[in-house]
């Protein structure tokens, strides 16, 4: 498929400098850019079919982890926000299982799309992962599965909804909870969020919606899927430096294999 068959370039003229500037302004102000029906229904159907064809190869895992995605600190109590555990349960298809001619891969590799992302994110260049598993992932969340509250290690995340759930499965977030670079971890706010006292923002995305999210300092989760329809989400992962690969340990943790 060509780019104009994959993207609605009439609604989203990603080559236009004025449009790019508008998108960047929204992202800089709010930390999130949401583009409904960014990918055409025809392209989404092909990606969905590719996911269905590989359902038997999904690596499924349930784990308990801290909000900070690091080991608990023994110097702090178990109920300290730094040490409290949440649950993540999902399945994943890795990059090497996506067809070479997939619309997802065409979009991921397209120079115009990458230039658009660079302008929005304020980056000079974006690069694929050097390992064979991590660049494009397709995530599956069946009924009852969720992604627990956490902060990202990377400064941005790019996702595409392929199939929305019938109920539940909303993307929830609270912006600017911590300042990781300054060492301010936002423990009091995290405690309020985990205990349900804080107001959170919700995003319900339909199929075809692209989301660019700044998640390093904004806590977020995917609420449990409450319906029978599987939530299917593509993650387009880039690096700001060439030659970056996930460690073998990380690949085993996320994918159950190294290659």
Protein backbone atom coordinates (compact mmCIF):
# COMPACT_ATOMS: atom_id res chain seq x y z
CA UNK A 1 0.00 0.00 0.00
CA UNK A 2 1.11 3.57 -0.74
CA UNK A 3 1.12 6.24 1.97
CA UNK A 4 -1.98 7.92 0.55
CA UNK A 5 -3.81 4.59 0.89
CA UNK A 6 -2.69 4.20 4.50
CA UNK A 7 -3.23 7.74 5.82
CA UNK A 8 -6.05 10.25 5.43
CA UNK A 9 -3.78 12.93 3.99
CA UNK A 10 -6.71 15.22 3.29
CA UNK A 11 -7.54 15.56 6.97
CA UNK A 12 -3.93 15.20 8.09
CA UNK A 13 -1.58 16.89 5.57
CA UNK A 14 1.56 15.75 7.36
CA UNK A 15 3.88 17.33 4.76
CA UNK A 16 2.49 20.81 5.35
CA UNK A 17 4.72 22.98 7.61
CA UNK A 18 1.74 24.86 9.08
CA UNK A 19 -0.02 21.62 9.98
CA UNK A 20 3.16 20.27 11.58
CA UNK A 21 3.57 23.46 13.60
CA UNK A 22 -0.02 23.21 14.83
CA UNK A 23 0.49 19.59 15.89
CA UNK A 24 3.72 20.48 17.68
CA UNK A 25 2.03 23.33 19.54
CA UNK A 26 -0.69 20.97 20.80
CA UNK A 27 1.85 18.33 21.83
CA UNK A 28 4.11 20.86 23.57
CA UNK A 29 1.18 22.32 25.52
CA UNK A 30 -0.65 19.14 26.53
CA UNK A 31 1.87 16.30 26.20
CA UNK A 32 -0.51 14.35 23.99
CA UNK A 33 -1.54 14.54 20.33
CA UNK A 34 -4.62 12.55 19.29
CA UNK A 35 -5.47 12.08 15.62
CA UNK A 36 -8.72 10.12 15.07
CA UNK A 37 -9.06 8.21 11.77
CA UNK A 38 -5.45 9.03 10.95
CA UNK A 39 -5.08 5.60 9.31
CA UNK A 40 -7.72 4.62 6.75
CA UNK A 41 -10.27 1.88 7.48
CA UNK A 42 -8.86 -0.19 4.59
CA UNK A 43 -5.34 -0.13 6.02
CA UNK A 44 -6.60 -0.90 9.54
CA UNK A 45 -8.42 -3.96 8.21
CA UNK A 46 -5.20 -5.33 6.72
CA UNK A 47 -3.29 -4.78 9.98
CA UNK A 48 -6.08 -6.43 11.95
CA UNK A 49 -6.01 -9.42 9.60
CA UNK A 50 -2.23 -9.73 10.05
CA UNK A 51 -2.70 -9.76 13.79
CA UNK A 52 -5.39 -12.41 13.61
CA UNK A 53 -3.20 -14.60 11.41
CA UNK A 54 -0.46 -14.55 14.04
CA UNK A 55 -2.59 -14.93 17.18
CA UNK A 56 -1.02 -18.34 17.85
CA UNK A 57 2.39 -16.62 18.13
CA UNK A 58 1.35 -14.04 20.74
CA UNK A 59 3.62 -13.96 23.79
CA UNK A 60 1.31 -13.48 26.78
CA UNK A 61 2.50 -12.48 30.22
CA UNK A 62 1.12 -11.21 33.52
CA UNK A 63 3.50 -9.43 35.86
CA UNK A 64 3.53 -7.24 38.95
CA UNK A 65 5.73 -4.17 38.83
CA UNK A 66 6.24 -0.78 40.43
CA UNK A 67 4.92 2.40 38.87
CA UNK A 68 8.55 3.38 38.25
CA UNK A 69 9.37 0.11 36.41
CA UNK A 70 12.27 -0.57 38.74
CA UNK A 71 12.92 -2.98 41.57
CA UNK A 72 11.40 -2.08 44.97
CA UNK A 73 13.60 -0.05 47.31
CA UNK A 74 14.25 -2.08 50.49
CA UNK A 75 14.93 1.13 52.42
CA UNK A 76 11.25 2.10 52.05
CA UNK A 77 8.08 0.46 53.36
CA UNK A 78 6.12 -1.93 51.14
CA UNK A 79 3.18 0.48 50.97
CA UNK A 80 5.37 3.43 49.93
CA UNK A 81 4.38 4.67 46.43
CA UNK A 82 7.90 3.81 45.25
CA UNK A 83 7.35 0.14 46.16
CA UNK A 84 3.66 -0.50 45.58
CA UNK A 85 2.99 -3.09 42.91
CA UNK A 86 0.48 -2.94 40.06
CA UNK A 87 -0.49 -5.61 37.52
CA UNK A 88 0.10 -5.66 33.78
CA UNK A 89 -1.28 -8.47 31.62
CA UNK A 90 -1.16 -8.49 27.84
CA UNK A 91 -0.01 -10.34 24.75
CA UNK A 92 2.39 -9.18 22.05
CA UNK A 93 3.39 -9.93 18.46
CA UNK A 94 6.90 -8.74 17.67
CA UNK A 95 8.38 -6.89 14.69
CA UNK A 96 9.82 -9.99 13.01
CA UNK A 97 6.32 -11.48 12.69
CA UNK A 98 4.89 -8.48 10.86
CA UNK A 99 4.84 -9.01 7.06
CA UNK A 100 7.43 -7.11 5.00
CA UNK A 101 4.64 -5.43 3.01
CA UNK A 102 2.45 -4.63 6.03
CA UNK A 103 0.81 -1.21 6.05
CA UNK A 104 2.27 -0.81 9.54
CA UNK A 105 5.81 -1.35 8.26
CA UNK A 106 5.26 0.95 5.29
CA UNK A 107 4.05 3.68 7.64
CA UNK A 108 6.86 3.07 10.16
CA UNK A 109 9.57 3.33 7.48
CA UNK A 110 8.07 6.20 5.49
CA UNK A 111 10.39 9.22 5.40
CA UNK A 112 7.55 11.78 5.32
CA UNK A 113 5.92 10.22 8.38
CA UNK A 114 9.23 10.19 10.27
CA UNK A 115 9.89 13.81 9.35
CA UNK A 116 6.43 14.69 10.65
CA UNK A 117 7.16 12.90 13.93
CA UNK A 118 10.52 14.63 14.24
CA UNK A 119 8.89 18.05 13.86
CA UNK A 120 6.19 17.25 16.44
CA UNK A 121 8.62 15.72 18.92
CA UNK A 122 11.38 18.26 18.38
CA UNK A 123 13.91 15.59 17.40
CA UNK A 124 16.57 15.76 14.70
CA UNK A 125 16.05 12.16 13.53
CA UNK A 126 14.35 8.90 14.50
CA UNK A 127 15.80 5.41 14.06
CA UNK A 128 14.48 1.87 14.20
CA UNK A 129 15.70 -0.56 16.85
CA UNK A 130 18.83 -2.54 16.01
CA UNK A 131 17.31 -5.76 17.37
CA UNK A 132 14.76 -7.75 15.32
CA UNK A 133 11.85 -7.62 17.79
CA UNK A 134 11.28 -4.14 19.13
CA UNK A 135 10.51 -1.60 16.39
CA UNK A 136 6.90 -2.58 15.66
CA UNK A 137 4.81 -4.43 18.24
CA UNK A 138 1.15 -5.41 18.14
CA UNK A 139 -0.37 -5.64 21.63
CA UNK A 140 -3.43 -7.68 22.54
CA UNK A 141 -5.55 -7.22 25.68
CA UNK A 142 -8.36 -9.72 26.17
CA UNK A 143 -11.21 -9.37 28.65
CA UNK A 144 -9.81 -8.62 32.10
CA UNK A 145 -6.33 -7.73 30.86
CA UNK A 146 -4.81 -4.33 31.60
CA UNK A 147 -1.62 -2.28 31.65
CA UNK A 148 -0.90 -1.04 35.17
CA UNK A 149 -0.01 2.51 36.17
CA UNK A 150 3.55 3.44 35.20
CA UNK A 151 5.94 6.05 33.85
CA UNK A 152 7.77 5.40 30.58
CA UNK A 153 11.54 5.28 30.46
CA UNK A 154 11.51 6.87 27.00
CA UNK A 155 10.40 10.46 26.43
CA UNK A 156 7.65 9.66 23.90
CA UNK A 157 5.38 6.84 22.74
CA UNK A 158 3.56 6.45 19.41
CA UNK A 159 0.55 4.13 19.26
CA UNK A 160 -2.14 3.23 16.75
CA UNK A 161 -5.47 1.71 17.76
CA UNK A 162 -6.24 -1.27 15.53
CA UNK A 163 -9.29 -2.64 17.35
CA UNK A 164 -11.00 -0.88 20.23
CA UNK A 165 -12.63 -2.92 23.02
CA UNK A 166 -16.39 -2.95 23.49
CA UNK A 167 -16.13 -1.66 27.07
CA UNK A 168 -13.29 -0.53 29.30
CA UNK A 169 -9.73 -0.48 28.07
CA UNK A 170 -9.48 3.32 28.20
CA UNK A 171 -6.10 5.03 28.19
CA UNK A 172 -5.91 6.97 31.46
CA UNK A 173 -3.24 9.48 32.46
CA UNK A 174 -2.23 12.31 34.75
CA UNK A 175 0.20 14.81 33.27
CA UNK A 176 3.43 16.10 34.81
CA UNK A 177 3.37 14.03 37.98
CA UNK A 178 7.15 13.84 38.33
CA UNK A 179 10.33 15.44 37.02
CA UNK A 180 12.63 12.48 36.43
CA UNK A 181 15.59 14.57 35.33
CA UNK A 182 15.45 16.62 38.53
CA UNK A 183 14.93 13.56 40.71
CA UNK A 184 11.46 14.66 41.82
CA UNK A 185 9.40 11.45 41.83
CA UNK A 186 5.97 12.83 42.80
CA UNK A 187 5.30 10.25 45.50
CA UNK A 188 2.33 12.05 47.09
CA UNK A 189 0.49 12.42 43.78
CA UNK A 190 1.29 8.81 42.83
CA UNK A 191 -0.22 7.65 46.14
CA UNK A 192 -3.39 9.63 45.44
CA UNK A 193 -3.65 8.11 41.96
CA UNK A 194 -3.11 4.54 43.16
CA UNK A 195 -5.69 5.05 45.92
CA UNK A 196 -8.25 6.51 43.52
CA UNK A 197 -8.28 9.99 45.06
CA UNK A 198 -6.85 11.89 42.09
CA UNK A 199 -8.69 13.03 38.99
CA UNK A 200 -7.41 11.27 35.87
CA UNK A 201 -7.93 12.02 32.21
CA UNK A 202 -9.38 9.35 29.93
CA UNK A 203 -8.86 8.75 26.24
CA UNK A 204 -11.16 6.36 24.33
CA UNK A 205 -9.64 5.80 20.90
CA UNK A 206 -11.42 4.23 17.95
CA UNK A 207 -9.68 2.11 15.32
CA UNK A 208 -7.37 4.22 13.16
CA UNK A 209 -6.50 6.73 15.91
CA UNK A 210 -2.82 7.65 16.23
CA UNK A 211 -1.66 8.94 19.62
CA UNK A 212 1.67 10.58 20.41
CA UNK A 213 2.18 10.73 24.18
CA UNK A 214 4.87 12.17 26.41
CA UNK A 215 4.98 9.54 29.15
CA UNK A 216 8.30 9.95 30.94
CA UNK A 217 6.87 12.30 33.56
CA UNK A 218 3.14 11.65 33.07
CA UNK A 219 1.79 8.55 34.78
CA UNK A 220 -0.56 6.42 32.67
CA UNK A 221 -2.27 3.07 32.34
CA UNK A 222 -4.68 1.09 30.17
CA UNK A 223 -7.75 0.22 32.25
CA UNK A 224 -8.97 -3.42 32.24
CA UNK A 225 -10.79 -4.56 29.11
CA UNK A 226 -14.37 -5.20 30.22
CA UNK A 227 -15.73 -6.63 26.96
CA UNK A 228 -15.33 -9.79 24.90
CA UNK A 229 -13.62 -8.02 21.99
CA UNK A 230 -9.83 -7.98 22.21
CA UNK A 231 -8.17 -4.58 22.34
CA UNK A 232 -5.49 -4.50 19.64
CA UNK A 233 -2.91 -1.70 19.64
CA UNK A 234 0.17 -1.15 17.48
CA UNK A 235 3.23 0.44 19.07
CA UNK A 236 5.65 2.20 16.71
CA UNK A 237 8.92 2.47 18.65
CA UNK A 238 11.77 4.72 17.56
CA UNK A 239 15.09 5.83 19.04
CA UNK A 240 16.78 9.21 18.78
CA UNK A 241 20.17 7.54 18.22
CA UNK A 242 21.10 4.82 15.68
CA UNK A 243 22.14 1.30 16.66
CA UNK A 244 20.08 1.03 19.86
CA UNK A 245 18.85 -2.46 20.80
CA UNK A 246 16.95 -3.76 23.79
CA UNK A 247 19.17 -5.95 25.94
CA UNK A 248 18.71 -9.72 25.74
CA UNK A 249 17.34 -9.62 29.29
CA UNK A 250 14.76 -7.01 28.34
CA UNK A 251 13.75 -8.95 25.23
CA UNK A 252 13.25 -12.10 27.28
CA UNK A 253 11.13 -10.13 29.73
CA UNK A 254 8.96 -8.41 27.13
CA UNK A 255 8.82 -11.02 24.36
CA UNK A 256 9.87 -14.38 25.81
CA UNK A 257 12.76 -14.70 23.36
CA UNK A 258 15.76 -12.75 22.10
CA UNK A 259 15.30 -13.17 18.36
